[in-house]
Amino acid sequence: MGHISYDEDYIDEPKQFRPERWTAEGVAARKGTKSEVLDHPFMRDPFSQGARRCPGSRVATNEIHAMISRLVLDWKISVPDENINSLDDISYDASPIKPIIPELKFESRR
């Protein structure tokens, strides 16, 4: 027995990589079905929610913040592509699983 998101009673082909399941259209298609439980906030968050939230979730979040702040403090991050001047110049794919990230240049600040 594994997580409900791997249960074929709730999701078709659970081991197939299909990120479109989590788009607004995919979520809307599950409304009113047994599979709607997959969209509940307690199921989406890997640490759960509320009083029974994983005690390590705050530690993990703080570690991510510390890592990002250290990265920004230690490195000057730039985009070598002269056509990209702001976030508006970056094309986006609809999938959060495979974001389109431009090449980044890291220069040590030390």
PDB file of N, CA and C in Angstrom:
ATOM      1  N   MET A   1       0.853  -1.188   0.000  1.00  0.00           N
ATOM      2  CA  MET A   1       0.000   0.000   0.000  1.00  0.00           C
ATOM      3  C   MET A   1       0.885   1.232   0.000  1.00  0.00           C
ATOM      4  N   GLY A   2       0.659   2.113  -0.922  1.00  0.00           N
ATOM      5  CA  GLY A   2       1.422   3.340  -1.000  1.00  0.00           C
ATOM      6  C   GLY A   2       0.517   4.543  -0.852  1.00  0.00           C
ATOM      7  N   HIS A   3       0.985   5.666  -1.318  1.00  0.00           N
ATOM      8  CA  HIS A   3       0.216   6.903  -1.278  1.00  0.00           C
ATOM      9  C   HIS A   3      -0.978   6.787  -2.215  1.00  0.00           C
ATOM     10  N   ILE A   4      -2.051   7.467  -1.874  1.00  0.00           N
ATOM     11  CA  ILE A   4      -3.280   7.404  -2.664  1.00  0.00           C
ATOM     12  C   ILE A   4      -3.057   7.861  -4.105  1.00  0.00           C
ATOM     13  N   SER A   5      -2.077   8.718  -4.337  1.00  0.00           N
ATOM     14  CA  SER A   5      -1.830   9.189  -5.704  1.00  0.00           C
ATOM     15  C   SER A   5      -1.244   8.091  -6.598  1.00  0.00           C
ATOM     16  N   TYR A   6      -0.901   6.952  -6.015  1.00  0.00           N
ATOM     17  CA  TYR A   6      -0.448   5.801  -6.805  1.00  0.00           C
ATOM     18  C   TYR A   6      -1.520   4.722  -6.904  1.00  0.00           C
ATOM     19  N   ASP A   7      -2.702   4.982  -6.384  1.00  0.00           N
ATOM     20  CA  ASP A   7      -3.795   4.016  -6.376  1.00  0.00           C
ATOM     21  C   ASP A   7      -4.590   4.144  -7.676  1.00  0.00           C
ATOM     22  N   GLU A   8      -4.665   3.054  -8.441  1.00  0.00           N
ATOM     23  CA  GLU A   8      -5.360   3.083  -9.729  1.00  0.00           C
ATOM     24  C   GLU A   8      -6.854   3.300  -9.581  1.00  0.00           C
ATOM     25  N   ASP A   9      -7.397   3.142  -8.380  1.00  0.00           N
ATOM     26  CA  ASP A   9      -8.808   3.455  -8.163  1.00  0.00           C
ATOM     27  C   ASP A   9      -9.053   4.963  -8.196  1.00  0.00           C
ATOM     28  N   TYR A  10      -8.010   5.750  -7.965  1.00  0.00           N
ATOM     29  CA  TYR A  10      -8.147   7.204  -7.903  1.00  0.00           C
ATOM     30  C   TYR A  10      -7.538   7.924  -9.097  1.00  0.00           C
ATOM     31  N   ILE A  11      -6.552   7.312  -9.727  1.00  0.00           N
ATOM     32  CA  ILE A  11      -5.863   7.995 -10.815  1.00  0.00           C
ATOM     33  C   ILE A  11      -5.468   6.982 -11.892  1.00  0.00           C
ATOM     34  N   ASP A  12      -5.722   7.345 -13.147  1.00  0.00           N
ATOM     35  CA  ASP A  12      -5.372   6.458 -14.267  1.00  0.00           C
ATOM     36  C   ASP A  12      -3.864   6.462 -14.477  1.00  0.00           C
ATOM     37  N   GLU A  13      -3.292   5.302 -14.711  1.00  0.00           N
ATOM     38  CA  GLU A  13      -1.859   5.156 -14.982  1.00  0.00           C
ATOM     39  C   GLU A  13      -1.018   5.986 -14.006  1.00  0.00           C
ATOM     40  N   PRO A  14      -1.071   5.657 -12.723  1.00  0.00           N
ATOM     41  CA  PRO A  14      -0.408   6.489 -11.714  1.00  0.00           C
ATOM     42  C   PRO A  14       1.108   6.583 -11.837  1.00  0.00           C
ATOM     43  N   LYS A  15       1.739   5.625 -12.477  1.00  0.00           N
ATOM     44  CA  LYS A  15       3.198   5.653 -12.567  1.00  0.00           C
ATOM     45  C   LYS A  15       3.697   6.335 -13.835  1.00  0.00           C
ATOM     46  N   GLN A  16       2.769   6.823 -14.650  1.00  0.00           N
ATOM     47  CA  GLN A  16       3.130   7.550 -15.859  1.00  0.00           C
ATOM     48  C   GLN A  16       3.344   9.021 -15.520  1.00  0.00           C
ATOM     49  N   PHE A  17       4.356   9.633 -16.108  1.00  0.00           N
ATOM     50  CA  PHE A  17       4.615  11.057 -15.925  1.00  0.00           C
ATOM     51  C   PHE A  17       3.653  11.827 -16.815  1.00  0.00           C
ATOM     52  N   ARG A  18       2.631  12.440 -16.201  1.00  0.00           N
ATOM     53  CA  ARG A  18       1.640  13.221 -16.941  1.00  0.00           C
ATOM     54  C   ARG A  18       1.326  14.486 -16.144  1.00  0.00           C
ATOM     55  N   PRO A  19       2.161  15.516 -16.252  1.00  0.00           N
ATOM     56  CA  PRO A  19       1.951  16.742 -15.470  1.00  0.00           C
ATOM     57  C   PRO A  19       0.652  17.464 -15.793  1.00  0.00           C
ATOM     58  N   GLU A  20       0.042  17.175 -16.944  1.00  0.00           N
ATOM     59  CA  GLU A  20      -1.219  17.835 -17.284  1.00  0.00           C
ATOM     60  C   GLU A  20      -2.337  17.461 -16.312  1.00  0.00           C
ATOM     61  N   ARG A  21      -2.126  16.423 -15.518  1.00  0.00           N
ATOM     62  CA  ARG A  21      -3.123  16.060 -14.502  1.00  0.00           C
ATOM     63  C   ARG A  21      -3.353  17.180 -13.498  1.00  0.00           C
ATOM     64  N   TRP A  22      -2.349  18.024 -13.310  1.00  0.00           N
ATOM     65  CA  TRP A  22      -2.397  19.030 -12.245  1.00  0.00           C
ATOM     66  C   TRP A  22      -2.675  20.427 -12.773  1.00  0.00           C
ATOM     67  N   THR A  23      -2.982  20.547 -14.069  1.00  0.00           N
ATOM     68  CA  THR A  23      -3.368  21.848 -14.613  1.00  0.00           C
ATOM     69  C   THR A  23      -4.792  22.158 -14.148  1.00  0.00           C
ATOM     70  N   ALA A  24      -5.212  23.387 -14.359  1.00  0.00           N
ATOM     71  CA  ALA A  24      -6.566  23.789 -13.960  1.00  0.00           C
ATOM     72  C   ALA A  24      -7.619  22.906 -14.632  1.00  0.00           C
ATOM     73  N   GLU A  25      -7.382  22.537 -15.890  1.00  0.00           N
ATOM     74  CA  GLU A  25      -8.340  21.681 -16.602  1.00  0.00           C
ATOM     75  C   GLU A  25      -8.394  20.283 -15.991  1.00  0.00           C
ATOM     76  N   GLY A  26      -7.230  19.739 -15.626  1.00  0.00           N
ATOM     77  CA  GLY A  26      -7.182  18.418 -15.010  1.00  0.00           C
ATOM     78  C   GLY A  26      -7.875  18.385 -13.660  1.00  0.00           C
ATOM     79  N   VAL A  27      -7.671  19.438 -12.879  1.00  0.00           N
ATOM     80  CA  VAL A  27      -8.324  19.531 -11.562  1.00  0.00           C
ATOM     81  C   VAL A  27      -9.829  19.671 -11.744  1.00  0.00           C
ATOM     82  N   ALA A  28     -10.252  20.503 -12.704  1.00  0.00           N
ATOM     83  CA  ALA A  28     -11.686  20.698 -12.957  1.00  0.00           C
ATOM     84  C   ALA A  28     -12.346  19.397 -13.411  1.00  0.00           C
ATOM     85  N   ALA A  29     -11.625  18.579 -14.176  1.00  0.00           N
ATOM     86  CA  ALA A  29     -12.180  17.311 -14.664  1.00  0.00           C
ATOM     87  C   ALA A  29     -12.425  16.325 -13.523  1.00  0.00           C
ATOM     88  N   ARG A  30     -11.718  16.467 -12.407  1.00  0.00           N
ATOM     89  CA  ARG A  30     -11.897  15.551 -11.272  1.00  0.00           C
ATOM     90  C   ARG A  30     -13.020  15.978 -10.328  1.00  0.00           C
ATOM     91  N   LYS A  31     -13.515  17.209 -10.475  1.00  0.00           N
ATOM     92  CA  LYS A  31     -14.575  17.695  -9.584  1.00  0.00           C
ATOM     93  C   LYS A  31     -15.770  16.749  -9.617  1.00  0.00           C
ATOM     94  N   GLY A  32     -16.266  16.412  -8.426  1.00  0.00           N
ATOM     95  CA  GLY A  32     -17.437  15.555  -8.323  1.00  0.00           C
ATOM     96  C   GLY A  32     -17.155  14.073  -8.482  1.00  0.00           C
ATOM     97  N   THR A  33     -15.878  13.695  -8.648  1.00  0.00           N
ATOM     98  CA  THR A  33     -15.526  12.283  -8.770  1.00  0.00           C
ATOM     99  C   THR A  33     -14.780  11.837  -7.514  1.00  0.00           C
ATOM    100  N   LYS A  34     -14.574  10.547  -7.419  1.00  0.00           N
ATOM    101  CA  LYS A  34     -13.824   9.995  -6.290  1.00  0.00           C
ATOM    102  C   LYS A  34     -12.394  10.531  -6.266  1.00  0.00           C
ATOM    103  N   SER A  35     -11.850  10.848  -7.421  1.00  0.00           N
ATOM    104  CA  SER A  35     -10.470  11.333  -7.535  1.00  0.00           C
ATOM    105  C   SER A  35     -10.297  12.769  -7.055  1.00  0.00           C
ATOM    106  N   GLU A  36     -11.391  13.457  -6.760  1.00  0.00           N
ATOM    107  CA  GLU A  36     -11.317  14.842  -6.297  1.00  0.00           C
ATOM    108  C   GLU A  36     -10.501  14.963  -5.015  1.00  0.00           C
ATOM    109  N   VAL A  37     -10.415  13.887  -4.241  1.00  0.00           N
ATOM    110  CA  VAL A  37      -9.650  13.893  -2.992  1.00  0.00           C
ATOM    111  C   VAL A  37      -8.176  14.236  -3.238  1.00  0.00           C
ATOM    112  N   LEU A  38      -7.666  13.964  -4.428  1.00  0.00           N
ATOM    113  CA  LEU A  38      -6.267  14.258  -4.760  1.00  0.00           C
ATOM    114  C   LEU A  38      -5.959  15.750  -4.733  1.00  0.00           C
ATOM    115  N   ASP A  39      -6.989  16.588  -4.877  1.00  0.00           N
ATOM    116  CA  ASP A  39      -6.789  18.032  -4.935  1.00  0.00           C
ATOM    117  C   ASP A  39      -6.966  18.711  -3.580  1.00  0.00           C
ATOM    118  N   HIS A  40      -7.247  17.936  -2.556  1.00  0.00           N
ATOM    119  CA  HIS A  40      -7.400  18.510  -1.214  1.00  0.00           C
ATOM    120  C   HIS A  40      -6.039  19.021  -0.730  1.00  0.00           C
ATOM    121  N   PRO A  41      -5.988  20.193  -0.056  1.00  0.00           N
ATOM    122  CA  PRO A  41      -4.704  20.758   0.395  1.00  0.00           C
ATOM    123  C   PRO A  41      -3.882  19.798   1.261  1.00  0.00           C
ATOM    124  N   PHE A  42      -4.546  18.960   2.048  1.00  0.00           N
ATOM    125  CA  PHE A  42      -3.808  18.016   2.885  1.00  0.00           C
ATOM    126  C   PHE A  42      -3.090  16.962   2.053  1.00  0.00           C
ATOM    127  N   MET A  43      -3.621  16.671   0.865  1.00  0.00           N
ATOM    128  CA  MET A  43      -3.003  15.668  -0.006  1.00  0.00           C
ATOM    129  C   MET A  43      -1.903  16.276  -0.869  1.00  0.00           C
ATOM    130  N   ARG A  44      -2.046  17.556  -1.244  1.00  0.00           N
ATOM    131  CA  ARG A  44      -1.075  18.192  -2.149  1.00  0.00           C
ATOM    132  C   ARG A  44       0.246  18.494  -1.472  1.00  0.00           C
ATOM    133  N   ASP A  45       0.179  18.947  -0.222  1.00  0.00           N
ATOM    134  CA  ASP A  45       1.384  19.380   0.479  1.00  0.00           C
ATOM    135  C   ASP A  45       2.136  18.163   1.010  1.00  0.00           C
ATOM    136  N   PRO A  46       3.412  17.991   0.644  1.00  0.00           N
ATOM    137  CA  PRO A  46       4.150  16.811   1.098  1.00  0.00           C
ATOM    138  C   PRO A  46       4.339  16.765   2.615  1.00  0.00           C
ATOM    139  N   PHE A  47       4.169  17.899   3.292  1.00  0.00           N
ATOM    140  CA  PHE A  47       4.339  17.934   4.743  1.00  0.00           C
ATOM    141  C   PHE A  47       3.010  17.902   5.474  1.00  0.00           C
ATOM    142  N   SER A  48       1.884  17.835   4.764  1.00  0.00           N
ATOM    143  CA  SER A  48       0.536  17.892   5.313  1.00  0.00           C
ATOM    144  C   SER A  48       0.221  19.307   5.770  1.00  0.00           C
ATOM    145  N   GLN A  49      -0.819  19.468   6.580  1.00  0.00           N
ATOM    146  CA  GLN A  49      -1.270  20.788   7.005  1.00  0.00           C
ATOM    147  C   GLN A  49      -1.747  20.735   8.443  1.00  0.00           C
ATOM    148  N   GLY A  50      -1.916  21.901   9.035  1.00  0.00           N
ATOM    149  CA  GLY A  50      -2.564  22.029  10.328  1.00  0.00           C
ATOM    150  C   GLY A  50      -1.763  21.495  11.501  1.00  0.00           C
ATOM    151  N   ALA A  51      -2.479  21.103  12.551  1.00  0.00           N
ATOM    152  CA  ALA A  51      -1.856  20.685  13.806  1.00  0.00           C
ATOM    153  C   ALA A  51      -0.995  19.427  13.644  1.00  0.00           C
ATOM    154  N   ARG A  52      -1.307  18.607  12.693  1.00  0.00           N
ATOM    155  CA  ARG A  52      -0.549  17.368  12.495  1.00  0.00           C
ATOM    156  C   ARG A  52       0.507  17.497  11.393  1.00  0.00           C
ATOM    157  N   ARG A  53       0.842  18.708  11.069  1.00  0.00           N
ATOM    158  CA  ARG A  53       1.871  18.986  10.055  1.00  0.00           C
ATOM    159  C   ARG A  53       3.203  18.380  10.493  1.00  0.00           C
ATOM    160  N   CYS A  54       3.971  17.923   9.539  1.00  0.00           N
ATOM    161  CA  CYS A  54       5.278  17.333   9.818  1.00  0.00           C
ATOM    162  C   CYS A  54       6.153  18.342  10.565  1.00  0.00           C
ATOM    163  N   PRO A  55       6.714  17.959  11.707  1.00  0.00           N
ATOM    164  CA  PRO A  55       7.550  18.902  12.452  1.00  0.00           C
ATOM    165  C   PRO A  55       8.816  19.294  11.688  1.00  0.00           C
ATOM    166  N   GLY A  56       9.241  18.492  10.747  1.00  0.00           N
ATOM    167  CA  GLY A  56      10.433  18.813   9.969  1.00  0.00           C
ATOM    168  C   GLY A  56      10.179  19.799   8.841  1.00  0.00           C
ATOM    169  N   SER A  57       8.913  20.134   8.587  1.00  0.00           N
ATOM    170  CA  SER A  57       8.606  21.026   7.470  1.00  0.00           C
ATOM    171  C   SER A  57       9.203  22.415   7.671  1.00  0.00           C
ATOM    172  N   ARG A  58       9.152  22.913   8.883  1.00  0.00           N
ATOM    173  CA  ARG A  58       9.721  24.244   9.142  1.00  0.00           C
ATOM    174  C   ARG A  58      11.244  24.218   9.024  1.00  0.00           C
ATOM    175  N   VAL A  59      11.838  23.123   9.443  1.00  0.00           N
ATOM    176  CA  VAL A  59      13.288  22.978   9.308  1.00  0.00           C
ATOM    177  C   VAL A  59      13.663  22.974   7.827  1.00  0.00           C
ATOM    178  N   ALA A  60      12.923  22.208   7.029  1.00  0.00           N
ATOM    179  CA  ALA A  60      13.204  22.129   5.593  1.00  0.00           C
ATOM    180  C   ALA A  60      13.033  23.490   4.923  1.00  0.00           C
ATOM    181  N   THR A  61      11.976  24.211   5.278  1.00  0.00           N
ATOM    182  CA  THR A  61      11.742  25.539   4.709  1.00  0.00           C
ATOM    183  C   THR A  61      12.853  26.501   5.104  1.00  0.00           C
ATOM    184  N   ASN A  62      13.260  26.469   6.354  1.00  0.00           N
ATOM    185  CA  ASN A  62      14.349  27.346   6.807  1.00  0.00           C
ATOM    186  C   ASN A  62      15.669  26.998   6.119  1.00  0.00           C
ATOM    187  N   GLU A  63      15.918  25.712   5.887  1.00  0.00           N
ATOM    188  CA  GLU A  63      17.140  25.313   5.188  1.00  0.00           C
ATOM    189  C   GLU A  63      17.135  25.826   3.746  1.00  0.00           C
ATOM    190  N   ILE A  64      15.989  25.779   3.093  1.00  0.00           N
ATOM    191  CA  ILE A  64      15.894  26.294   1.725  1.00  0.00           C
ATOM    192  C   ILE A  64      16.156  27.798   1.706  1.00  0.00           C
ATOM    193  N   HIS A  65      15.555  28.526   2.656  1.00  0.00           N
ATOM    194  CA  HIS A  65      15.781  29.976   2.721  1.00  0.00           C
ATOM    195  C   HIS A  65      17.250  30.289   2.990  1.00  0.00           C
ATOM    196  N   ALA A  66      17.873  29.549   3.897  1.00  0.00           N
ATOM    197  CA  ALA A  66      19.293  29.769   4.213  1.00  0.00           C
ATOM    198  C   ALA A  66      20.167  29.487   2.997  1.00  0.00           C
ATOM    199  N   MET A  67      19.846  28.410   2.264  1.00  0.00           N
ATOM    200  CA  MET A  67      20.637  28.052   1.092  1.00  0.00           C
ATOM    201  C   MET A  67      20.521  29.125   0.007  1.00  0.00           C
ATOM    202  N   ILE A  68      19.311  29.613  -0.241  1.00  0.00           N
ATOM    203  CA  ILE A  68      19.118  30.636  -1.272  1.00  0.00           C
ATOM    204  C   ILE A  68      19.803  31.938  -0.872  1.00  0.00           C
ATOM    205  N   SER A  69      19.689  32.327   0.403  1.00  0.00           N
ATOM    206  CA  SER A  69      20.338  33.568   0.832  1.00  0.00           C
ATOM    207  C   SER A  69      21.861  33.449   0.732  1.00  0.00           C
ATOM    208  N   ARG A  70      22.414  32.280   1.071  1.00  0.00           N
ATOM    209  CA  ARG A  70      23.859  32.073   0.958  1.00  0.00           C
ATOM    210  C   ARG A  70      24.284  32.137  -0.505  1.00  0.00           C
ATOM    211  N   LEU A  71      23.491  31.563  -1.383  1.00  0.00           N
ATOM    212  CA  LEU A  71      23.778  31.580  -2.817  1.00  0.00           C
ATOM    213  C   LEU A  71      23.814  33.017  -3.340  1.00  0.00           C
ATOM    214  N   VAL A  72      22.838  33.813  -2.945  1.00  0.00           N
ATOM    215  CA  VAL A  72      22.763  35.200  -3.399  1.00  0.00           C
ATOM    216  C   VAL A  72      23.899  36.039  -2.801  1.00  0.00           C
ATOM    217  N   LEU A  73      24.261  35.773  -1.558  1.00  0.00           N
ATOM    218  CA  LEU A  73      25.346  36.526  -0.928  1.00  0.00           C
ATOM    219  C   LEU A  73      26.714  36.182  -1.502  1.00  0.00           C
ATOM    220  N   ASP A  74      26.931  34.917  -1.859  1.00  0.00           N
ATOM    221  CA  ASP A  74      28.246  34.469  -2.315  1.00  0.00           C
ATOM    222  C   ASP A  74      28.474  34.599  -3.818  1.00  0.00           C
ATOM    223  N   TRP A  75      27.414  34.700  -4.598  1.00  0.00           N
ATOM    224  CA  TRP A  75      27.553  34.681  -6.047  1.00  0.00           C
ATOM    225  C   TRP A  75      26.782  35.831  -6.691  1.00  0.00           C
ATOM    226  N   LYS A  76      27.380  36.421  -7.725  1.00  0.00           N
ATOM    227  CA  LYS A  76      26.670  37.373  -8.568  1.00  0.00           C
ATOM    228  C   LYS A  76      26.071  36.530  -9.699  1.00  0.00           C
ATOM    229  N   ILE A  77      24.753  36.553  -9.803  1.00  0.00           N
ATOM    230  CA  ILE A  77      24.053  35.721 -10.781  1.00  0.00           C
ATOM    231  C   ILE A  77      23.554  36.623 -11.901  1.00  0.00           C
ATOM    232  N   SER A  78      23.927  36.292 -13.126  1.00  0.00           N
ATOM    233  CA  SER A  78      23.504  37.101 -14.272  1.00  0.00           C
ATOM    234  C   SER A  78      23.089  36.192 -15.421  1.00  0.00           C
ATOM    235  N   VAL A  79      22.458  36.796 -16.400  1.00  0.00           N
ATOM    236  CA  VAL A  79      22.021  36.080 -17.593  1.00  0.00           C
ATOM    237  C   VAL A  79      22.873  36.582 -18.757  1.00  0.00           C
ATOM    238  N   PRO A  80      23.713  35.718 -19.343  1.00  0.00           N
ATOM    239  CA  PRO A  80      24.584  36.179 -20.426  1.00  0.00           C
ATOM    240  C   PRO A  80      23.839  36.546 -21.709  1.00  0.00           C
ATOM    241  N   ASP A  81      22.610  36.097 -21.883  1.00  0.00           N
ATOM    242  CA  ASP A  81      21.831  36.406 -23.080  1.00  0.00           C
ATOM    243  C   ASP A  81      21.418  37.880 -23.052  1.00  0.00           C
ATOM    244  N   GLU A  82      21.905  38.656 -23.999  1.00  0.00           N
ATOM    245  CA  GLU A  82      21.636  40.092 -24.029  1.00  0.00           C
ATOM    246  C   GLU A  82      20.190  40.422 -24.378  1.00  0.00           C
ATOM    247  N   ASN A  83      19.440  39.430 -24.869  1.00  0.00           N
ATOM    248  CA  ASN A  83      18.035  39.647 -25.210  1.00  0.00           C
ATOM    249  C   ASN A  83      17.125  39.582 -23.981  1.00  0.00           C
ATOM    250  N   ILE A  84      17.660  39.147 -22.865  1.00  0.00           N
ATOM    251  CA  ILE A  84      16.869  39.026 -21.639  1.00  0.00           C
ATOM    252  C   ILE A  84      17.270  40.142 -20.683  1.00  0.00           C
ATOM    253  N   ASN A  85      16.357  41.075 -20.496  1.00  0.00           N
ATOM    254  CA  ASN A  85      16.600  42.197 -19.589  1.00  0.00           C
ATOM    255  C   ASN A  85      15.722  42.146 -18.347  1.00  0.00           C
ATOM    256  N   SER A  86      14.615  41.408 -18.420  1.00  0.00           N
ATOM    257  CA  SER A  86      13.715  41.281 -17.280  1.00  0.00           C
ATOM    258  C   SER A  86      13.006  39.930 -17.366  1.00  0.00           C
ATOM    259  N   LEU A  87      12.223  39.612 -16.341  1.00  0.00           N
ATOM    260  CA  LEU A  87      11.486  38.347 -16.342  1.00  0.00           C
ATOM    261  C   LEU A  87      10.467  38.289 -17.474  1.00  0.00           C
ATOM    262  N   ASP A  88      10.028  39.444 -17.944  1.00  0.00           N
ATOM    263  CA  ASP A  88       9.064  39.481 -19.044  1.00  0.00           C
ATOM    264  C   ASP A  88       9.659  38.979 -20.357  1.00  0.00           C
ATOM    265  N   ASP A  89      10.984  38.970 -20.459  1.00  0.00           N
ATOM    266  CA  ASP A  89      11.658  38.526 -21.682  1.00  0.00           C
ATOM    267  C   ASP A  89      11.881  37.016 -21.726  1.00  0.00           C
ATOM    268  N   ILE A  90      11.498  36.311 -20.675  1.00  0.00           N
ATOM    269  CA  ILE A  90      11.690  34.864 -20.608  1.00  0.00           C
ATOM    270  C   ILE A  90      10.394  34.181 -21.001  1.00  0.00           C
ATOM    271  N   SER A  91      10.473  33.214 -21.924  1.00  0.00           N
ATOM    272  CA  SER A  91       9.271  32.483 -22.324  1.00  0.00           C
ATOM    273  C   SER A  91       8.988  31.401 -21.291  1.00  0.00           C
ATOM    274  N   TYR A  92       7.726  31.161 -21.065  1.00  0.00           N
ATOM    275  CA  TYR A  92       7.324  30.176 -20.059  1.00  0.00           C
ATOM    276  C   TYR A  92       6.537  29.054 -20.704  1.00  0.00           C
ATOM    277  N   ASP A  93       6.751  27.866 -20.202  1.00  0.00           N
ATOM    278  CA  ASP A  93       5.979  26.702 -20.597  1.00  0.00           C
ATOM    279  C   ASP A  93       4.855  26.568 -19.578  1.00  0.00           C
ATOM    280  N   ALA A  94       3.794  25.908 -19.901  1.00  0.00           N
ATOM    281  CA  ALA A  94       2.680  25.737 -18.963  1.00  0.00           C
ATOM    282  C   ALA A  94       3.026  24.754 -17.854  1.00  0.00           C
ATOM    283  N   SER A  95       4.072  23.977 -18.018  1.00  0.00           N
ATOM    284  CA  SER A  95       4.390  22.934 -17.050  1.00  0.00           C
ATOM    285  C   SER A  95       5.315  23.434 -15.950  1.00  0.00           C
ATOM    286  N   PRO A  96       4.900  23.300 -14.673  1.00  0.00           N
ATOM    287  CA  PRO A  96       5.811  23.644 -13.581  1.00  0.00           C
ATOM    288  C   PRO A  96       6.873  22.571 -13.377  1.00  0.00           C
ATOM    289  N   ILE A  97       6.679  21.415 -13.990  1.00  0.00           N
ATOM    290  CA  ILE A  97       7.617  20.304 -13.836  1.00  0.00           C
ATOM    291  C   ILE A  97       8.884  20.551 -14.649  1.00  0.00           C
ATOM    292  N   LYS A  98       8.758  21.116 -15.832  1.00  0.00           N
ATOM    293  CA  LYS A  98       9.902  21.367 -16.710  1.00  0.00           C
ATOM    294  C   LYS A  98       9.953  22.850 -17.067  1.00  0.00           C
ATOM    295  N   PRO A  99      10.355  23.712 -16.140  1.00  0.00           N
ATOM    296  CA  PRO A  99      10.394  25.140 -16.461  1.00  0.00           C
ATOM    297  C   PRO A  99      11.486  25.443 -17.484  1.00  0.00           C
ATOM    298  N   ILE A 100      11.265  26.482 -18.257  1.00  0.00           N
ATOM    299  CA  ILE A 100      12.266  26.935 -19.224  1.00  0.00           C
ATOM    300  C   ILE A 100      13.126  27.964 -18.502  1.00  0.00           C
ATOM    301  N   ILE A 101      14.344  27.587 -18.189  1.00  0.00           N
ATOM    302  CA  ILE A 101      15.236  28.459 -17.433  1.00  0.00           C
ATOM    303  C   ILE A 101      16.386  28.873 -18.350  1.00  0.00           C
ATOM    304  N   PRO A 102      16.620  30.165 -18.469  1.00  0.00           N
ATOM    305  CA  PRO A 102      17.738  30.595 -19.323  1.00  0.00           C
ATOM    306  C   PRO A 102      19.068  30.215 -18.683  1.00  0.00           C
ATOM    307  N   GLU A 103      20.096  30.192 -19.491  1.00  0.00           N
ATOM    308  CA  GLU A 103      21.441  29.914 -18.977  1.00  0.00           C
ATOM    309  C   GLU A 103      21.816  31.021 -17.993  1.00  0.00           C
ATOM    310  N   LEU A 104      22.378  30.636 -16.874  1.00  0.00           N
ATOM    311  CA  LEU A 104      22.791  31.595 -15.853  1.00  0.00           C
ATOM    312  C   LEU A 104      24.301  31.591 -15.711  1.00  0.00           C
ATOM    313  N   LYS A 105      24.856  32.740 -15.391  1.00  0.00           N
ATOM    314  CA  LYS A 105      26.293  32.880 -15.194  1.00  0.00           C
ATOM    315  C   LYS A 105      26.509  33.210 -13.706  1.00  0.00           C
ATOM    316  N   PHE A 106      27.385  32.465 -13.048  1.00  0.00           N
ATOM    317  CA  PHE A 106      27.677  32.669 -11.637  1.00  0.00           C
ATOM    318  C   PHE A 106      29.111  33.183 -11.498  1.00  0.00           C
ATOM    319  N   GLU A 107      29.256  34.330 -10.844  1.00  0.00           N
ATOM    320  CA  GLU A 107      30.584  34.886 -10.571  1.00  0.00           C
ATOM    321  C   GLU A 107      30.733  35.022  -9.061  1.00  0.00           C
ATOM    322  N   SER A 108      31.832  34.521  -8.548  1.00  0.00           N
ATOM    323  CA  SER A 108      32.053  34.575  -7.117  1.00  0.00           C
ATOM    324  C   SER A 108      32.190  36.020  -6.653  1.00  0.00           C
ATOM    325  N   ARG A 109      31.582  36.346  -5.526  1.00  0.00           N
ATOM    326  CA  ARG A 109      31.688  37.683  -4.960  1.00  0.00           C
ATOM    327  C   ARG A 109      32.907  37.811  -4.060  1.00  0.00           C
ATOM    328  N   ARG A 110      33.601  36.735  -3.835  1.00  0.00           N
ATOM    329  CA  ARG A 110      34.769  36.761  -2.934  1.00  0.00           C
ATOM    330  C   ARG A 110      36.039  37.048  -3.663  1.00  0.00           C
TER     331      ARG A 110
END
